[in-house]
Amino acid sequence: MAGTGGAYVLANIRGGGEFGPAWHEAGLKTKRQTIYDDFVAVARDLIATKLTSTRRLGIEGGSNGGLLMGVQFTQHPELWRAVVIQVPLLDMLRFPVIGAGASWIGEYGDPAIPEERAFLAHISPYHNLKAGVTYPEPLFVTSAKDDRVNPGHARKMAAKMKEMGLPFLYYENTEGGHAASANLKETARRQALEFTYLLRKLKD
């Protein structure tokens, strides 16, 4: 957000492949809460060091990062002013039967196994929305033609929030697959929507 006084921070949390197999395996299946706790630790450090405050803190992530955003949205709604949830997984109890989800059981766990189902229920954003909680207004971004993470995840979450009277913004592109845009023009439009949302929320 050059020229607006903003700062961009990349949280290198466990679960990715950036630092080798052990870094990735630290966040597999029932160890995934480690990932989400790492992300919160980065946010709290940014606040503690006065780089930002909860009033100026926005987060963004897509695909598996969209799940990360959904978990942060439901586990720590008090920390964020803006949350961009892109092409996300959000129903973690039914993900194996939605689109290509069955291929991710090795990463997330299997809802058919009681221990793993209990953990997935604990983190599943769709199942952890609660009445009476003050959530930030999120922006959901998805694509009708996403063949990797089915748009049903974002649609279900948005429908549940509407049913609960919770505020949200929703953008679904009709083209573009998992990138939520099919060409540079659509990419520019999607990014403009996301940055407009972030600037509006974080500059209020």
Protein backbone atom coordinates (compact mmCIF):
# COMPACT_ATOMS: atom_id res chain seq x y z
CA MET A 1 0.00 0.00 0.00
CA ALA A 2 2.74 2.37 -1.05
CA GLY A 3 1.95 6.01 -0.46
CA THR A 4 -0.77 5.32 2.08
CA GLY A 5 1.43 4.78 5.14
CA GLY A 6 0.81 1.05 5.22
CA ALA A 7 3.18 -1.86 5.85
CA TYR A 8 3.13 -5.36 4.36
CA VAL A 9 4.17 -8.33 6.50
CA LEU A 10 4.63 -11.94 5.37
CA ALA A 11 4.21 -14.45 8.20
CA ASN A 12 6.50 -17.47 7.67
CA ILE A 13 4.43 -19.89 9.72
CA ARG A 14 5.00 -23.61 10.07
CA GLY A 15 3.23 -25.95 7.68
CA GLY A 16 4.71 -24.60 4.44
CA GLY A 17 7.63 -26.06 2.53
CA GLU A 18 9.93 -23.04 2.81
CA PHE A 19 12.28 -24.57 5.37
CA GLY A 20 12.21 -28.26 4.51
CA PRO A 21 10.09 -31.33 5.29
CA ALA A 22 10.17 -30.96 9.10
CA TRP A 23 8.76 -27.42 8.81
CA HIS A 24 5.91 -28.76 6.69
CA GLU A 25 5.24 -31.81 8.85
CA ALA A 26 4.99 -29.63 11.97
CA GLY A 27 1.58 -28.54 10.71
CA LEU A 28 0.05 -31.74 9.39
CA LYS A 29 -3.36 -33.07 10.43
CA THR A 30 -4.02 -32.65 14.17
CA LYS A 31 -0.88 -30.51 14.51
CA ARG A 32 -2.40 -27.75 12.39
CA GLN A 33 -3.27 -25.54 15.35
CA THR A 34 0.49 -24.84 15.48
CA ILE A 35 0.13 -23.05 12.15
CA TYR A 36 -2.70 -20.87 13.36
CA ASP A 37 -0.94 -20.09 16.64
CA ASP A 38 2.19 -19.05 14.71
CA PHE A 39 0.12 -16.60 12.67
CA VAL A 40 -1.46 -15.08 15.78
CA ALA A 41 1.97 -14.77 17.41
CA VAL A 42 3.18 -12.69 14.44
CA ALA A 43 0.11 -10.45 14.67
CA ARG A 44 0.47 -9.93 18.40
CA ASP A 45 4.14 -9.07 17.98
CA LEU A 46 3.23 -6.44 15.37
CA ILE A 47 0.83 -4.92 17.88
CA ALA A 48 3.26 -5.20 20.83
CA THR A 49 6.03 -3.46 18.86
CA LYS A 50 3.54 -0.77 17.77
CA LEU A 51 3.97 -1.42 14.08
CA THR A 52 0.18 -1.55 13.97
CA SER A 53 -2.93 -1.98 16.09
CA THR A 54 -6.03 -4.14 15.80
CA ARG A 55 -7.81 -1.14 14.28
CA ARG A 56 -5.27 -1.07 11.43
CA LEU A 57 -4.60 -4.80 11.00
CA GLY A 58 -5.86 -6.58 7.89
CA ILE A 59 -5.04 -10.10 6.72
CA GLU A 60 -5.29 -11.85 3.37
CA GLY A 61 -4.81 -15.40 2.11
CA GLY A 62 -6.04 -17.80 -0.54
CA SER A 63 -6.64 -21.54 -0.97
CA ASN A 64 -5.00 -23.19 2.06
CA GLY A 65 -4.31 -19.59 3.09
CA GLY A 66 -8.04 -19.00 2.72
CA LEU A 67 -8.58 -21.68 5.36
CA LEU A 68 -5.98 -19.90 7.50
CA MET A 69 -7.98 -16.68 7.11
CA GLY A 70 -11.22 -18.46 8.00
CA VAL A 71 -9.67 -19.93 11.13
CA GLN A 72 -8.26 -16.56 12.20
CA PHE A 73 -11.64 -14.95 11.52
CA THR A 74 -13.45 -17.40 13.82
CA GLN A 75 -10.76 -18.03 16.46
CA HIS A 76 -9.56 -14.44 16.95
CA PRO A 77 -12.17 -12.02 15.55
CA GLU A 78 -10.99 -9.34 17.99
CA LEU A 79 -7.55 -9.07 16.34
CA TRP A 80 -8.52 -8.10 12.80
CA ARG A 81 -10.17 -5.08 11.21
CA ALA A 82 -10.20 -6.62 7.72
CA VAL A 83 -10.00 -10.21 6.46
CA VAL A 84 -9.73 -11.16 2.77
CA ILE A 85 -10.70 -14.82 2.40
CA GLN A 86 -9.74 -15.97 -1.10
CA VAL A 87 -10.82 -19.27 -2.77
CA PRO A 88 -10.99 -20.89 0.68
CA LEU A 89 -11.67 -24.22 2.31
CA LEU A 90 -14.13 -23.50 5.11
CA ASP A 91 -16.21 -26.63 5.77
CA MET A 92 -13.59 -28.97 7.18
CA LEU A 93 -16.02 -31.76 8.09
CA ARG A 94 -17.19 -32.27 4.51
CA PHE A 95 -14.15 -31.16 2.52
CA PRO A 96 -13.33 -34.70 1.24
CA VAL A 97 -16.66 -34.88 -0.60
CA ILE A 98 -16.51 -31.36 -2.04
CA GLY A 99 -14.66 -31.09 -5.34
CA ALA A 100 -11.04 -32.27 -5.20
CA GLY A 101 -11.05 -32.39 -1.40
CA ALA A 102 -10.43 -36.13 -1.03
CA SER A 103 -6.86 -35.61 -2.29
CA TRP A 104 -6.06 -33.43 0.75
CA ILE A 105 -6.84 -35.94 3.49
CA GLY A 106 -3.11 -36.57 3.98
CA GLU A 107 -2.67 -32.87 4.73
CA TYR A 108 -5.74 -32.05 6.82
CA GLY A 109 -6.84 -35.40 8.24
CA ASP A 110 -9.87 -37.59 7.68
CA PRO A 111 -13.29 -36.66 9.12
CA ALA A 112 -14.10 -40.39 9.11
CA ILE A 113 -11.47 -40.97 11.84
CA PRO A 114 -12.94 -39.85 15.21
CA GLU A 115 -9.76 -38.21 16.57
CA GLU A 116 -9.13 -36.32 13.34
CA ARG A 117 -12.80 -35.38 12.99
CA ALA A 118 -12.80 -33.88 16.49
CA PHE A 119 -9.81 -31.71 15.60
CA LEU A 120 -11.30 -30.68 12.24
CA ALA A 121 -14.52 -29.69 14.03
CA HIS A 122 -12.42 -27.54 16.36
CA ILE A 123 -10.83 -25.57 13.51
CA SER A 124 -13.57 -25.65 10.84
CA PRO A 125 -14.56 -22.00 10.19
CA TYR A 126 -18.03 -22.92 8.92
CA HIS A 127 -18.81 -24.85 12.11
CA ASN A 128 -17.31 -22.31 14.48
CA LEU A 129 -19.34 -19.23 13.58
CA LYS A 130 -21.14 -18.23 16.77
CA ALA A 131 -24.11 -16.01 17.43
CA GLY A 132 -23.43 -13.04 19.68
CA VAL A 133 -19.79 -12.67 18.58
CA THR A 134 -18.58 -9.42 17.00
CA TYR A 135 -16.73 -10.34 13.81
CA PRO A 136 -14.96 -8.02 11.39
CA GLU A 137 -16.69 -7.65 8.02
CA PRO A 138 -14.78 -10.06 5.74
CA LEU A 139 -14.42 -10.08 1.97
CA PHE A 140 -14.93 -13.50 0.37
CA VAL A 141 -13.40 -14.00 -3.08
CA THR A 142 -14.08 -17.14 -5.10
CA SER A 143 -14.65 -18.40 -8.63
CA ALA A 144 -17.58 -20.32 -10.08
CA LYS A 145 -15.13 -22.39 -12.15
CA ASP A 146 -12.63 -23.20 -9.41
CA ASP A 147 -11.84 -26.91 -9.90
CA ARG A 148 -9.45 -27.11 -6.94
CA VAL A 149 -11.32 -25.52 -4.04
CA ASN A 150 -15.03 -25.66 -4.83
CA PRO A 151 -16.83 -22.30 -4.49
CA GLY A 152 -19.36 -24.12 -2.31
CA HIS A 153 -17.09 -23.47 0.66
CA ALA A 154 -17.33 -19.68 0.32
CA ARG A 155 -20.99 -19.81 -0.68
CA LYS A 156 -21.94 -21.87 2.39
CA MET A 157 -20.03 -19.60 4.74
CA ALA A 158 -21.58 -16.48 3.24
CA ALA A 159 -25.06 -18.01 3.39
CA LYS A 160 -24.60 -18.94 7.05
CA MET A 161 -23.38 -15.45 7.89
CA LYS A 162 -26.38 -13.95 6.10
CA GLU A 163 -28.69 -16.26 8.06
CA MET A 164 -27.02 -15.13 11.30
CA GLY A 165 -27.26 -11.45 10.38
CA LEU A 166 -23.47 -11.03 10.20
CA PRO A 167 -21.94 -8.48 7.79
CA PHE A 168 -19.77 -9.64 4.90
CA LEU A 169 -18.77 -8.78 1.33
CA TYR A 170 -18.73 -11.40 -1.42
CA TYR A 171 -17.20 -11.51 -4.89
CA GLU A 172 -17.52 -14.54 -7.16
CA ASN A 173 -15.96 -14.42 -10.60
CA THR A 174 -17.56 -16.60 -13.27
CA GLU A 175 -14.19 -17.38 -14.91
CA GLY A 176 -10.64 -18.09 -13.95
CA GLY A 177 -10.55 -21.30 -11.95
CA HIS A 178 -8.54 -21.32 -8.73
CA ALA A 179 -6.93 -17.98 -9.55
CA ALA A 180 -10.40 -16.37 -9.44
CA SER A 181 -9.53 -14.52 -12.64
CA ALA A 182 -8.99 -15.73 -16.22
CA ASN A 183 -6.83 -12.91 -17.58
CA LEU A 184 -4.92 -9.80 -16.56
CA LYS A 185 -7.98 -7.56 -16.79
CA GLU A 186 -9.92 -9.78 -14.38
CA THR A 187 -6.90 -10.09 -12.10
CA ALA A 188 -6.60 -6.29 -11.98
CA ARG A 189 -10.30 -5.97 -11.16
CA ARG A 190 -10.12 -8.56 -8.37
CA GLN A 191 -7.02 -7.00 -6.84
CA ALA A 192 -8.57 -3.53 -7.09
CA LEU A 193 -11.61 -4.79 -5.17
CA GLU A 194 -9.38 -6.35 -2.51
CA PHE A 195 -7.18 -3.28 -2.06
CA THR A 196 -10.19 -0.96 -2.04
CA TYR A 197 -11.72 -3.07 0.70
CA LEU A 198 -8.47 -3.08 2.73
CA LEU A 199 -7.91 0.64 2.34
CA ARG A 200 -11.49 1.46 3.26
CA LYS A 201 -11.37 -0.71 6.37
CA LEU A 202 -7.87 0.20 7.54
CA LYS A 203 -8.04 3.93 6.88
CA ASP A 204 -11.40 4.53 8.62
